[in-house]
Amino acid sequence: MPYKRNVQHPGQREIKNLTVATVIKAIPDGTTTPSVTDEMHIEIENTVAVTITDFIGVPAGKGQILYTHLKDGVTSFGNDGTKLNILDMPPGVDWGPGNLDEILKWYHDGTTWNLIEVNKTGAETYTIKDLDDGDTTPDITNVSHIRTNNTTPTTITNFTGKGSKGQIVYTHIGDDELTSFGNDPTKLKFLDMPPGVDWGPGNFEEILKWIHDGTRWVLASKTPTAATISPIKVIEDGETEPDVTDVTDIVIENTAPTTITNFVGGKEGKVIYVHIADDQKSTFGNDPTKLKFLNMPPGVNWGPGNIDEILKWQHDGTKWIYVG
């Protein structure tokens, strides 16, 4: 199958050669809540380390897009889930500091600004680098997108050559289910899978997005095609009916015993994976019109789930069925 070598990442806007009038506003040095009332592009050039905690002004409604151009190498972004949402990092964990000349794309969902894309160079396209057959530690120096090309089963154990906090890399699976990824938590981290458990093999044409947390690479999202991103969502503490409309993977981190009674947003054939990360505090109700556990009688809870366990559910058009 032919593969497009120069592709624009889903949702990315061309910035390099703008054909319409676009103002890039330089914000004052040290600003922590820049105003974006009339600007879609703001330039950040702080002389000392600054954490931006919010973008303020009007409009700031659902669907608004904002690009932040980092020119200083010292700016980071706070992660208050009600103001800025940085991928799937837990609230209170900063993202950054940003790299020089990096462009960050933000999307407003009606409540919160969500980081949805990182452009390392400002160019409108990325080059996809084909890996050597059998390469288990790909060198990602000077590239942000790599494509696997294995002819025999291969486990990628690390990305080498670079790796700094906030860096993004995309892996495009191009080898028809022959590539998997090792889970040494000091190198590659898959949510809450126990060390040594491989993730994969990846599906053909699947795209995995990784972000470096300063120590290792963490899987941040995956998409089965180049058009639909499936983020990994950490649900709110104590939530009993998480919304899975636009996600395939959710992480549960309850601090007190909680019974999940349903997943909102199901449709026939949809599959979700539930990652238990709360040390045996979550259980699942067994109302057969919502969640169904094989042959357990109605009303009997399943759980509590073991930490690091992953549960697979599939929707039959009426209810969710636990399938493994």
C-alpha atoms as a PDB file:
ATOM      1  CA  MET A   1       0.000   0.000   0.000  1.00  0.00           C
ATOM      2  CA  PRO A   2       1.478   3.415  -0.895  1.00  0.00           C
ATOM      3  CA  TYR A   3       2.180   5.653   2.081  1.00  0.00           C
ATOM      4  CA  LYS A   4       2.175   9.425   2.037  1.00  0.00           C
ATOM      5  CA  ARG A   5       5.566  10.600   3.221  1.00  0.00           C
ATOM      6  CA  ASN A   6       4.728  14.240   3.908  1.00  0.00           C
ATOM      7  CA  VAL A   7       1.488  14.533   5.807  1.00  0.00           C
ATOM      8  CA  GLN A   8      -0.161  17.258   7.811  1.00  0.00           C
ATOM      9  CA  HIS A   9      -1.054  15.872  11.230  1.00  0.00           C
ATOM     10  CA  PRO A  10      -4.807  15.692  11.915  1.00  0.00           C
ATOM     11  CA  GLY A  11      -6.201  19.027  13.023  1.00  0.00           C
ATOM     12  CA  GLN A  12      -2.946  20.907  12.369  1.00  0.00           C
ATOM     13  CA  ARG A  13      -3.246  24.333  10.800  1.00  0.00           C
ATOM     14  CA  GLU A  14      -0.701  25.615   8.298  1.00  0.00           C
ATOM     15  CA  ILE A  15       1.342  28.344   9.942  1.00  0.00           C
ATOM     16  CA  LYS A  16       4.494  28.722   7.890  1.00  0.00           C
ATOM     17  CA  ASN A  17       3.001  30.377   4.827  1.00  0.00           C
ATOM     18  CA  LEU A  18      -0.116  32.224   5.965  1.00  0.00           C
ATOM     19  CA  THR A  19      -2.207  33.661   3.155  1.00  0.00           C
ATOM     20  CA  VAL A  20      -4.552  35.722   5.363  1.00  0.00           C
ATOM     21  CA  ALA A  21      -3.802  38.527   7.787  1.00  0.00           C
ATOM     22  CA  THR A  22      -2.891  36.920  11.100  1.00  0.00           C
ATOM     23  CA  VAL A  23      -1.601  38.961  14.022  1.00  0.00           C
ATOM     24  CA  ILE A  24       0.970  37.351  16.294  1.00  0.00           C
ATOM     25  CA  LYS A  25       0.789  39.237  19.576  1.00  0.00           C
ATOM     26  CA  ALA A  26       3.864  39.444  21.800  1.00  0.00           C
ATOM     27  CA  ILE A  27       2.710  39.215  25.420  1.00  0.00           C
ATOM     28  CA  PRO A  28       4.450  41.178  28.184  1.00  0.00           C
ATOM     29  CA  ASP A  29       7.393  39.537  29.910  1.00  0.00           C
ATOM     30  CA  GLY A  30       6.273  37.621  33.009  1.00  0.00           C
ATOM     31  CA  THR A  31       2.582  37.412  32.122  1.00  0.00           C
ATOM     32  CA  THR A  32       0.909  34.341  33.676  1.00  0.00           C
ATOM     33  CA  THR A  33      -2.610  34.840  32.258  1.00  0.00           C
ATOM     34  CA  PRO A  34      -2.238  36.323  28.774  1.00  0.00           C
ATOM     35  CA  SER A  35      -5.265  37.930  27.153  1.00  0.00           C
ATOM     36  CA  VAL A  36      -6.307  36.293  23.885  1.00  0.00           C
ATOM     37  CA  THR A  37      -9.372  38.437  23.200  1.00  0.00           C
ATOM     38  CA  ASP A  38      -8.635  39.071  19.533  1.00  0.00           C
ATOM     39  CA  GLU A  39      -5.562  36.966  18.873  1.00  0.00           C
ATOM     40  CA  MET A  40      -5.267  33.428  17.551  1.00  0.00           C
ATOM     41  CA  HIS A  41      -1.467  33.533  17.752  1.00  0.00           C
ATOM     42  CA  ILE A  42       0.534  34.786  20.732  1.00  0.00           C
ATOM     43  CA  GLU A  43       4.304  34.929  21.059  1.00  0.00           C
ATOM     44  CA  ILE A  44       5.881  34.160  24.435  1.00  0.00           C
ATOM     45  CA  GLU A  45       9.352  35.506  25.187  1.00  0.00           C
ATOM     46  CA  ASN A  46       9.941  35.527  28.920  1.00  0.00           C
ATOM     47  CA  THR A  47      13.353  36.386  30.339  1.00  0.00           C
ATOM     48  CA  VAL A  48      12.780  34.404  33.553  1.00  0.00           C
ATOM     49  CA  ALA A  49      10.925  31.157  34.231  1.00  0.00           C
ATOM     50  CA  VAL A  50       7.162  31.766  34.130  1.00  0.00           C
ATOM     51  CA  THR A  51       4.220  29.347  34.473  1.00  0.00           C
ATOM     52  CA  ILE A  52       1.190  30.321  32.394  1.00  0.00           C
ATOM     53  CA  THR A  53      -1.958  29.256  34.250  1.00  0.00           C
ATOM     54  CA  ASP A  54      -4.747  30.419  31.902  1.00  0.00           C
ATOM     55  CA  PHE A  55      -5.629  32.294  28.728  1.00  0.00           C
ATOM     56  CA  ILE A  56      -8.203  34.990  29.459  1.00  0.00           C
ATOM     57  CA  GLY A  57     -10.412  37.343  27.473  1.00  0.00           C
ATOM     58  CA  VAL A  58     -13.407  37.116  25.181  1.00  0.00           C
ATOM     59  CA  PRO A  59     -14.198  35.094  23.188  1.00  0.00           C
ATOM     60  CA  ALA A  60     -13.176  31.902  24.899  1.00  0.00           C
ATOM     61  CA  GLY A  61     -15.970  29.656  23.739  1.00  0.00           C
ATOM     62  CA  LYS A  62     -16.270  26.121  22.498  1.00  0.00           C
ATOM     63  CA  GLY A  63     -14.282  25.519  19.344  1.00  0.00           C
ATOM     64  CA  GLN A  64     -11.891  28.436  19.688  1.00  0.00           C
ATOM     65  CA  ILE A  65      -8.337  27.678  18.556  1.00  0.00           C
ATOM     66  CA  LEU A  66      -5.194  29.328  19.901  1.00  0.00           C
ATOM     67  CA  TYR A  67      -1.538  28.952  18.947  1.00  0.00           C
ATOM     68  CA  THR A  68       1.223  29.824  21.410  1.00  0.00           C
ATOM     69  CA  HIS A  69       4.651  30.462  19.886  1.00  0.00           C
ATOM     70  CA  LEU A  70       7.434  29.799  22.411  1.00  0.00           C
ATOM     71  CA  LYS A  71      10.506  31.960  21.903  1.00  0.00           C
ATOM     72  CA  ASP A  72      12.208  31.679  25.282  1.00  0.00           C
ATOM     73  CA  GLY A  73      12.811  28.091  26.360  1.00  0.00           C
ATOM     74  CA  VAL A  74      11.851  28.906  29.979  1.00  0.00           C
ATOM     75  CA  THR A  75       8.017  29.030  29.920  1.00  0.00           C
ATOM     76  CA  SER A  76       5.906  26.209  31.342  1.00  0.00           C
ATOM     77  CA  PHE A  77       2.132  25.722  31.564  1.00  0.00           C
ATOM     78  CA  GLY A  78       0.137  24.868  34.680  1.00  0.00           C
ATOM     79  CA  ASN A  79      -2.337  22.001  34.496  1.00  0.00           C
ATOM     80  CA  ASP A  80      -5.462  23.074  36.353  1.00  0.00           C
ATOM     81  CA  GLY A  81      -8.083  20.890  34.699  1.00  0.00           C
ATOM     82  CA  THR A  82     -10.605  23.763  34.843  1.00  0.00           C
ATOM     83  CA  LYS A  83      -8.371  26.220  32.951  1.00  0.00           C
ATOM     84  CA  LEU A  84      -5.605  24.430  31.062  1.00  0.00           C
ATOM     85  CA  ASN A  85      -5.671  20.714  30.336  1.00  0.00           C
ATOM     86  CA  ILE A  86      -2.321  19.273  29.291  1.00  0.00           C
ATOM     87  CA  LEU A  87      -2.966  15.955  27.606  1.00  0.00           C
ATOM     88  CA  ASP A  88      -3.587  13.459  30.388  1.00  0.00           C
ATOM     89  CA  MET A  89      -1.235  14.740  33.052  1.00  0.00           C
ATOM     90  CA  PRO A  90      -2.809  14.832  36.526  1.00  0.00           C
ATOM     91  CA  PRO A  91      -3.945  18.286  37.744  1.00  0.00           C
ATOM     92  CA  GLY A  92      -1.174  20.391  39.232  1.00  0.00           C
ATOM     93  CA  VAL A  93       1.618  18.909  37.106  1.00  0.00           C
ATOM     94  CA  ASP A  94       3.256  21.536  34.907  1.00  0.00           C
ATOM     95  CA  TRP A  95       3.967  20.942  31.233  1.00  0.00           C
ATOM     96  CA  GLY A  96       7.246  22.469  30.162  1.00  0.00           C
ATOM     97  CA  PRO A  97       9.309  24.452  30.099  1.00  0.00           C
ATOM     98  CA  GLY A  98       8.618  24.863  26.392  1.00  0.00           C
ATOM     99  CA  ASN A  99      11.354  24.471  23.843  1.00  0.00           C
ATOM    100  CA  LEU A 100      12.556  27.401  21.786  1.00  0.00           C
ATOM    101  CA  ASP A 101      10.518  27.954  18.599  1.00  0.00           C
ATOM    102  CA  GLU A 102       7.898  25.403  19.591  1.00  0.00           C
ATOM    103  CA  ILE A 103       4.266  26.078  18.611  1.00  0.00           C
ATOM    104  CA  LEU A 104       1.471  24.696  20.794  1.00  0.00           C
ATOM    105  CA  LYS A 105      -2.090  24.405  19.510  1.00  0.00           C
ATOM    106  CA  TRP A 106      -4.922  24.766  22.029  1.00  0.00           C
ATOM    107  CA  TYR A 107      -8.641  23.993  21.651  1.00  0.00           C
ATOM    108  CA  HIS A 108     -11.381  25.388  23.908  1.00  0.00           C
ATOM    109  CA  ASP A 109     -14.115  22.858  24.745  1.00  0.00           C
ATOM    110  CA  GLY A 110     -16.464  25.434  26.257  1.00  0.00           C
ATOM    111  CA  THR A 111     -14.891  25.223  29.691  1.00  0.00           C
ATOM    112  CA  THR A 112     -11.188  24.473  29.394  1.00  0.00           C
ATOM    113  CA  TRP A 113      -8.250  25.061  27.057  1.00  0.00           C
ATOM    114  CA  ASN A 114      -6.921  21.665  25.894  1.00  0.00           C
ATOM    115  CA  LEU A 115      -3.468  21.128  24.400  1.00  0.00           C
ATOM    116  CA  ILE A 116      -4.076  19.138  21.211  1.00  0.00           C
ATOM    117  CA  GLU A 117      -0.920  19.524  19.120  1.00  0.00           C
ATOM    118  CA  VAL A 118       2.754  20.428  19.330  1.00  0.00           C
ATOM    119  CA  ASN A 119       4.745  21.691  16.362  1.00  0.00           C
ATOM    120  CA  LYS A 120       8.479  21.545  16.976  1.00  0.00           C
ATOM    121  CA  THR A 121       9.598  23.720  14.072  1.00  0.00           C
ATOM    122  CA  GLY A 122       6.717  25.847  12.845  1.00  0.00           C
ATOM    123  CA  ALA A 123       6.615  24.055   9.519  1.00  0.00           C
ATOM    124  CA  GLU A 124       3.258  23.005   8.106  1.00  0.00           C
ATOM    125  CA  THR A 125       4.241  19.380   7.426  1.00  0.00           C
ATOM    126  CA  TYR A 126       6.193  16.634   9.101  1.00  0.00           C
ATOM    127  CA  THR A 127       8.432  14.066   7.466  1.00  0.00           C
ATOM    128  CA  ILE A 128       7.727  10.492   8.454  1.00  0.00           C
ATOM    129  CA  LYS A 129      10.944   8.526   8.904  1.00  0.00           C
ATOM    130  CA  ASP A 130      10.884   4.836   8.007  1.00  0.00           C
ATOM    131  CA  LEU A 131      12.643   2.697  10.606  1.00  0.00           C
ATOM    132  CA  ASP A 132      15.056  -0.054   9.698  1.00  0.00           C
ATOM    133  CA  ASP A 133      13.534  -3.522   9.780  1.00  0.00           C
ATOM    134  CA  GLY A 134      14.048  -4.971  13.270  1.00  0.00           C
ATOM    135  CA  ASP A 135      15.080  -1.682  14.905  1.00  0.00           C
ATOM    136  CA  THR A 136      14.216  -1.976  18.618  1.00  0.00           C
ATOM    137  CA  THR A 137      15.568   1.417  19.802  1.00  0.00           C
ATOM    138  CA  PRO A 138      14.759   3.930  17.034  1.00  0.00           C
ATOM    139  CA  ASP A 139      16.816   7.110  16.863  1.00  0.00           C
ATOM    140  CA  ILE A 140      14.376  10.033  16.702  1.00  0.00           C
ATOM    141  CA  THR A 141      16.967  12.794  16.389  1.00  0.00           C
ATOM    142  CA  ASN A 142      15.498  15.582  14.211  1.00  0.00           C
ATOM    143  CA  VAL A 143      12.197  13.763  13.577  1.00  0.00           C
ATOM    144  CA  SER A 144       8.838  13.810  15.322  1.00  0.00           C
ATOM    145  CA  HIS A 145       7.055  11.107  13.290  1.00  0.00           C
ATOM    146  CA  ILE A 146       8.414   7.599  12.674  1.00  0.00           C
ATOM    147  CA  ARG A 147       6.920   4.701  10.753  1.00  0.00           C
ATOM    148  CA  THR A 148       7.569   1.078  11.671  1.00  0.00           C
ATOM    149  CA  ASN A 149       8.483  -1.271   8.853  1.00  0.00           C
ATOM    150  CA  ASN A 150       9.095  -4.664  10.454  1.00  0.00           C
ATOM    151  CA  THR A 151       8.784  -7.946   8.560  1.00  0.00           C
ATOM    152  CA  THR A 152       9.035 -10.125  11.676  1.00  0.00           C
ATOM    153  CA  PRO A 153       7.668  -9.563  15.216  1.00  0.00           C
ATOM    154  CA  THR A 154       9.718  -6.813  16.870  1.00  0.00           C
ATOM    155  CA  THR A 155       9.413  -5.175  20.291  1.00  0.00           C
ATOM    156  CA  ILE A 156      10.476  -1.519  20.457  1.00  0.00           C
ATOM    157  CA  THR A 157      11.972  -0.903  23.890  1.00  0.00           C
ATOM    158  CA  ASN A 158      12.934   2.793  23.738  1.00  0.00           C
ATOM    159  CA  PHE A 159      13.304   5.895  21.566  1.00  0.00           C
ATOM    160  CA  THR A 160      16.874   7.175  21.519  1.00  0.00           C
ATOM    161  CA  GLY A 161      18.744  10.264  20.381  1.00  0.00           C
ATOM    162  CA  LYS A 162      16.559  12.813  22.153  1.00  0.00           C
ATOM    163  CA  GLY A 163      14.099  12.978  25.007  1.00  0.00           C
ATOM    164  CA  SER A 164      13.326  16.124  26.996  1.00  0.00           C
ATOM    165  CA  LYS A 165      10.307  17.069  29.095  1.00  0.00           C
ATOM    166  CA  GLY A 166       7.317  17.902  26.916  1.00  0.00           C
ATOM    167  CA  GLN A 167       8.769  16.463  23.702  1.00  0.00           C
ATOM    168  CA  ILE A 168       6.261  14.734  21.414  1.00  0.00           C
ATOM    169  CA  VAL A 169       6.834  11.820  19.042  1.00  0.00           C
ATOM    170  CA  TYR A 170       4.317   9.953  16.894  1.00  0.00           C
ATOM    171  CA  THR A 171       4.782   6.316  15.893  1.00  0.00           C
ATOM    172  CA  HIS A 172       2.904   5.219  12.773  1.00  0.00           C
ATOM    173  CA  ILE A 173       2.368   1.445  12.636  1.00  0.00           C
ATOM    174  CA  GLY A 174       3.100   0.399   9.068  1.00  0.00           C
ATOM    175  CA  ASP A 175       3.902  -3.291   9.379  1.00  0.00           C
ATOM    176  CA  ASP A 176       0.602  -5.175   9.674  1.00  0.00           C
ATOM    177  CA  GLU A 177       0.572  -6.117  13.377  1.00  0.00           C
ATOM    178  CA  LEU A 178       4.203  -7.145  13.778  1.00  0.00           C
ATOM    179  CA  THR A 179       5.370  -4.352  16.094  1.00  0.00           C
ATOM    180  CA  SER A 180       4.833  -4.262  19.868  1.00  0.00           C
ATOM    181  CA  PHE A 181       6.236  -1.994  22.581  1.00  0.00           C
ATOM    182  CA  GLY A 182       8.032  -3.076  25.739  1.00  0.00           C
ATOM    183  CA  ASN A 183       6.980  -1.628  29.092  1.00  0.00           C
ATOM    184  CA  ASP A 184      10.130  -0.808  31.018  1.00  0.00           C
ATOM    185  CA  PRO A 185       8.717   2.117  33.068  1.00  0.00           C
ATOM    186  CA  THR A 186      12.103   3.855  32.997  1.00  0.00           C
ATOM    187  CA  LYS A 187      11.895   4.077  29.180  1.00  0.00           C
ATOM    188  CA  LEU A 188       8.367   3.531  27.823  1.00  0.00           C
ATOM    189  CA  LYS A 189       5.306   3.843  30.079  1.00  0.00           C
ATOM    190  CA  PHE A 190       1.869   2.459  29.225  1.00  0.00           C
ATOM    191  CA  LEU A 191      -0.544   3.957  31.715  1.00  0.00           C
ATOM    192  CA  ASP A 192      -0.725   1.447  34.543  1.00  0.00           C
ATOM    193  CA  MET A 193       0.419  -1.763  32.896  1.00  0.00           C
ATOM    194  CA  PRO A 194       2.832  -3.667  35.111  1.00  0.00           C
ATOM    195  CA  PRO A 195       6.508  -3.600  34.084  1.00  0.00           C
ATOM    196  CA  GLY A 196       7.451  -6.185  31.477  1.00  0.00           C
ATOM    197  CA  VAL A 197       4.017  -6.418  29.843  1.00  0.00           C
ATOM    198  CA  ASP A 198       4.192  -5.512  26.157  1.00  0.00           C
ATOM    199  CA  TRP A 199       1.664  -3.207  24.538  1.00  0.00           C
ATOM    200  CA  GLY A 200       0.748  -4.410  21.106  1.00  0.00           C
ATOM    201  CA  PRO A 201       1.219  -5.573  18.526  1.00  0.00           C
ATOM    202  CA  GLY A 202       0.034  -2.299  17.043  1.00  0.00           C
ATOM    203  CA  ASN A 203      -2.656  -2.336  14.394  1.00  0.00           C
ATOM    204  CA  PHE A 204      -1.747  -1.463  10.830  1.00  0.00           C
ATOM    205  CA  GLU A 205      -1.905   2.322  10.259  1.00  0.00           C
ATOM    206  CA  GLU A 206      -2.455   3.050  13.947  1.00  0.00           C
ATOM    207  CA  ILE A 207      -0.766   6.213  15.210  1.00  0.00           C
ATOM    208  CA  LEU A 208       0.526   6.383  18.795  1.00  0.00           C
ATOM    209  CA  LYS A 209       1.348   9.713  20.408  1.00  0.00           C
ATOM    210  CA  TRP A 210       4.055   9.788  23.087  1.00  0.00           C
ATOM    211  CA  ILE A 211       5.079  12.621  25.385  1.00  0.00           C
ATOM    212  CA  HIS A 212       8.300  12.742  27.396  1.00  0.00           C
ATOM    213  CA  ASP A 213       7.771  13.564  31.085  1.00  0.00           C
ATOM    214  CA  GLY A 214      11.422  14.391  31.728  1.00  0.00           C
ATOM    215  CA  THR A 215      12.371  10.803  32.554  1.00  0.00           C
ATOM    216  CA  ARG A 216      10.598   8.484  30.123  1.00  0.00           C
ATOM    217  CA  TRP A 217       8.151   8.311  27.223  1.00  0.00           C
ATOM    218  CA  VAL A 218       4.466   8.080  28.221  1.00  0.00           C
ATOM    219  CA  LEU A 219       1.746   6.943  25.812  1.00  0.00           C
ATOM    220  CA  ALA A 220      -0.653   9.905  25.580  1.00  0.00           C
ATOM    221  CA  SER A 221      -3.105   8.890  22.852  1.00  0.00           C
ATOM    222  CA  LYS A 222      -3.695   6.534  19.961  1.00  0.00           C
ATOM    223  CA  THR A 223      -5.676   6.753  16.744  1.00  0.00           C
ATOM    224  CA  PRO A 224      -6.712   3.846  14.475  1.00  0.00           C
ATOM    225  CA  THR A 225      -6.652   6.121  11.405  1.00  0.00           C
ATOM    226  CA  ALA A 226      -5.080   9.419  10.504  1.00  0.00           C
ATOM    227  CA  ALA A 227      -8.419  11.155  11.043  1.00  0.00           C
ATOM    228  CA  THR A 228      -9.659  10.222  14.524  1.00  0.00           C
ATOM    229  CA  ILE A 229      -7.672  10.775  17.705  1.00  0.00           C
ATOM    230  CA  SER A 230      -8.534   8.580  20.698  1.00  0.00           C
ATOM    231  CA  PRO A 231      -7.193  10.272  23.824  1.00  0.00           C
ATOM    232  CA  ILE A 232      -6.513   8.404  27.049  1.00  0.00           C
ATOM    233  CA  LYS A 233      -8.806   9.962  29.648  1.00  0.00           C
ATOM    234  CA  VAL A 234      -8.311  10.041  33.420  1.00  0.00           C
ATOM    235  CA  ILE A 235     -11.830  10.186  34.879  1.00  0.00           C
ATOM    236  CA  GLU A 236     -12.769  12.352  37.826  1.00  0.00           C
ATOM    237  CA  ASP A 237     -12.373  10.990  41.335  1.00  0.00           C
ATOM    238  CA  GLY A 238     -15.654   9.417  42.455  1.00  0.00           C
ATOM    239  CA  GLU A 239     -17.298   9.495  39.032  1.00  0.00           C
ATOM    240  CA  THR A 240     -19.844   6.672  38.678  1.00  0.00           C
ATOM    241  CA  GLU A 241     -20.903   7.100  35.015  1.00  0.00           C
ATOM    242  CA  PRO A 242     -17.854   8.243  33.004  1.00  0.00           C
ATOM    243  CA  ASP A 243     -18.445   9.665  29.525  1.00  0.00           C
ATOM    244  CA  VAL A 244     -16.531   7.625  26.917  1.00  0.00           C
ATOM    245  CA  THR A 245     -18.023   9.251  23.816  1.00  0.00           C
ATOM    246  CA  ASP A 246     -14.698  10.263  22.268  1.00  0.00           C
ATOM    247  CA  VAL A 247     -12.241   7.938  24.007  1.00  0.00           C
ATOM    248  CA  THR A 248     -11.186   4.306  23.856  1.00  0.00           C
ATOM    249  CA  ASP A 249      -9.061   4.167  27.012  1.00  0.00           C
ATOM    250  CA  ILE A 250      -9.943   5.502  30.460  1.00  0.00           C
ATOM    251  CA  VAL A 251      -7.933   5.470  33.687  1.00  0.00           C
ATOM    252  CA  ILE A 252      -9.680   5.131  37.065  1.00  0.00           C
ATOM    253  CA  GLU A 253      -7.946   6.727  40.065  1.00  0.00           C
ATOM    254  CA  ASN A 254     -10.512   6.816  42.874  1.00  0.00           C
ATOM    255  CA  THR A 255      -9.357   7.762  46.356  1.00  0.00           C
ATOM    256  CA  ALA A 256     -12.398   6.210  48.069  1.00  0.00           C
ATOM    257  CA  PRO A 257     -14.436   3.087  47.214  1.00  0.00           C
ATOM    258  CA  THR A 258     -16.568   3.878  44.159  1.00  0.00           C
ATOM    259  CA  THR A 259     -18.988   1.729  42.147  1.00  0.00           C
ATOM    260  CA  ILE A 260     -19.117   2.522  38.432  1.00  0.00           C
ATOM    261  CA  THR A 261     -22.630   1.800  37.187  1.00  0.00           C
ATOM    262  CA  ASN A 262     -22.388   2.718  33.495  1.00  0.00           C
ATOM    263  CA  PHE A 263     -20.272   4.215  30.707  1.00  0.00           C
ATOM    264  CA  VAL A 264     -22.051   7.055  28.920  1.00  0.00           C
ATOM    265  CA  GLY A 265     -21.691   7.401  25.151  1.00  0.00           C
ATOM    266  CA  GLY A 266     -21.833   3.762  24.072  1.00  0.00           C
ATOM    267  CA  LYS A 267     -22.905   2.529  20.661  1.00  0.00           C
ATOM    268  CA  GLU A 268     -22.994  -0.881  19.018  1.00  0.00           C
ATOM    269  CA  GLY A 269     -19.523  -2.290  18.407  1.00  0.00           C
ATOM    270  CA  LYS A 270     -17.630   0.345  20.423  1.00  0.00           C
ATOM    271  CA  VAL A 271     -14.757  -1.049  22.499  1.00  0.00           C
ATOM    272  CA  ILE A 272     -13.233   0.625  25.541  1.00  0.00           C
ATOM    273  CA  TYR A 273     -10.388  -0.326  27.845  1.00  0.00           C
ATOM    274  CA  VAL A 274     -10.606   0.530  31.543  1.00  0.00           C
ATOM    275  CA  HIS A 275      -7.257   0.875  33.326  1.00  0.00           C
ATOM    276  CA  ILE A 276      -7.494   0.358  37.096  1.00  0.00           C
ATOM    277  CA  ALA A 277      -5.047   2.649  38.861  1.00  0.00           C
ATOM    278  CA  ASP A 278      -6.577   3.175  42.285  1.00  0.00           C
ATOM    279  CA  ASP A 279      -5.331   0.341  44.487  1.00  0.00           C
ATOM    280  CA  GLN A 280      -8.483  -1.785  44.769  1.00  0.00           C
ATOM    281  CA  LYS A 281     -10.972   1.015  45.425  1.00  0.00           C
ATOM    282  CA  SER A 282     -13.141   0.673  42.289  1.00  0.00           C
ATOM    283  CA  THR A 283     -15.975  -1.800  41.744  1.00  0.00           C
ATOM    284  CA  PHE A 284     -18.446  -2.208  38.884  1.00  0.00           C
ATOM    285  CA  GLY A 285     -22.220  -2.580  39.274  1.00  0.00           C
ATOM    286  CA  ASN A 286     -24.021  -5.378  37.445  1.00  0.00           C
ATOM    287  CA  ASP A 287     -27.256  -3.927  36.119  1.00  0.00           C
ATOM    288  CA  PRO A 288     -27.658  -6.103  32.990  1.00  0.00           C
ATOM    289  CA  THR A 289     -29.290  -3.180  31.147  1.00  0.00           C
ATOM    290  CA  LYS A 290     -26.063  -1.147  31.529  1.00  0.00           C
ATOM    291  CA  LEU A 291     -23.045  -3.294  32.484  1.00  0.00           C
ATOM    292  CA  LYS A 292     -23.049  -7.056  32.025  1.00  0.00           C
ATOM    293  CA  PHE A 293     -20.526  -9.424  33.607  1.00  0.00           C
ATOM    294  CA  LEU A 294     -20.828 -12.684  31.773  1.00  0.00           C
ATOM    295  CA  ASN A 295     -23.121 -14.903  33.904  1.00  0.00           C
ATOM    296  CA  MET A 296     -23.080 -13.064  37.209  1.00  0.00           C
ATOM    297  CA  PRO A 297     -26.595 -12.503  38.625  1.00  0.00           C
ATOM    298  CA  PRO A 298     -27.949  -8.937  38.428  1.00  0.00           C
ATOM    299  CA  GLY A 299     -26.948  -6.681  41.315  1.00  0.00           C
ATOM    300  CA  VAL A 300     -23.674  -8.488  42.120  1.00  0.00           C
ATOM    301  CA  ASN A 301     -20.697  -6.131  41.863  1.00  0.00           C
ATOM    302  CA  TRP A 302     -17.513  -7.092  40.081  1.00  0.00           C
ATOM    303  CA  GLY A 303     -14.411  -5.961  41.889  1.00  0.00           C
ATOM    304  CA  PRO A 304     -12.804  -4.159  43.435  1.00  0.00           C
ATOM    305  CA  GLY A 305     -10.395  -4.079  40.502  1.00  0.00           C
ATOM    306  CA  ASN A 306      -6.755  -4.818  41.123  1.00  0.00           C
ATOM    307  CA  ILE A 307      -4.279  -2.039  40.551  1.00  0.00           C
ATOM    308  CA  ASP A 308      -2.728  -2.203  37.074  1.00  0.00           C
ATOM    309  CA  GLU A 309      -5.578  -4.366  35.755  1.00  0.00           C
ATOM    310  CA  ILE A 310      -7.046  -3.564  32.330  1.00  0.00           C
ATOM    311  CA  LEU A 311     -10.688  -4.447  31.561  1.00  0.00           C
ATOM    312  CA  LYS A 312     -12.040  -4.659  28.018  1.00  0.00           C
ATOM    313  CA  TRP A 313     -15.706  -3.802  27.377  1.00  0.00           C
ATOM    314  CA  GLN A 314     -17.754  -3.959  24.187  1.00  0.00           C
ATOM    315  CA  HIS A 315     -21.147  -2.386  23.538  1.00  0.00           C
ATOM    316  CA  ASP A 316     -23.809  -4.600  21.950  1.00  0.00           C
ATOM    317  CA  GLY A 317     -26.141  -1.750  21.033  1.00  0.00           C
ATOM    318  CA  THR A 318     -27.956  -1.868  24.368  1.00  0.00           C
ATOM    319  CA  LYS A 319     -25.415  -2.413  27.119  1.00  0.00           C
ATOM    320  CA  TRP A 320     -21.698  -2.867  27.856  1.00  0.00           C
ATOM    321  CA  ILE A 321     -20.429  -6.427  28.098  1.00  0.00           C
ATOM    322  CA  TYR A 322     -17.229  -7.361  29.894  1.00  0.00           C
ATOM    323  CA  VAL A 323     -15.204  -9.355  27.342  1.00  0.00           C
ATOM    324  CA  GLY A 324     -11.780  -9.698  28.926  1.00  0.00           C
END
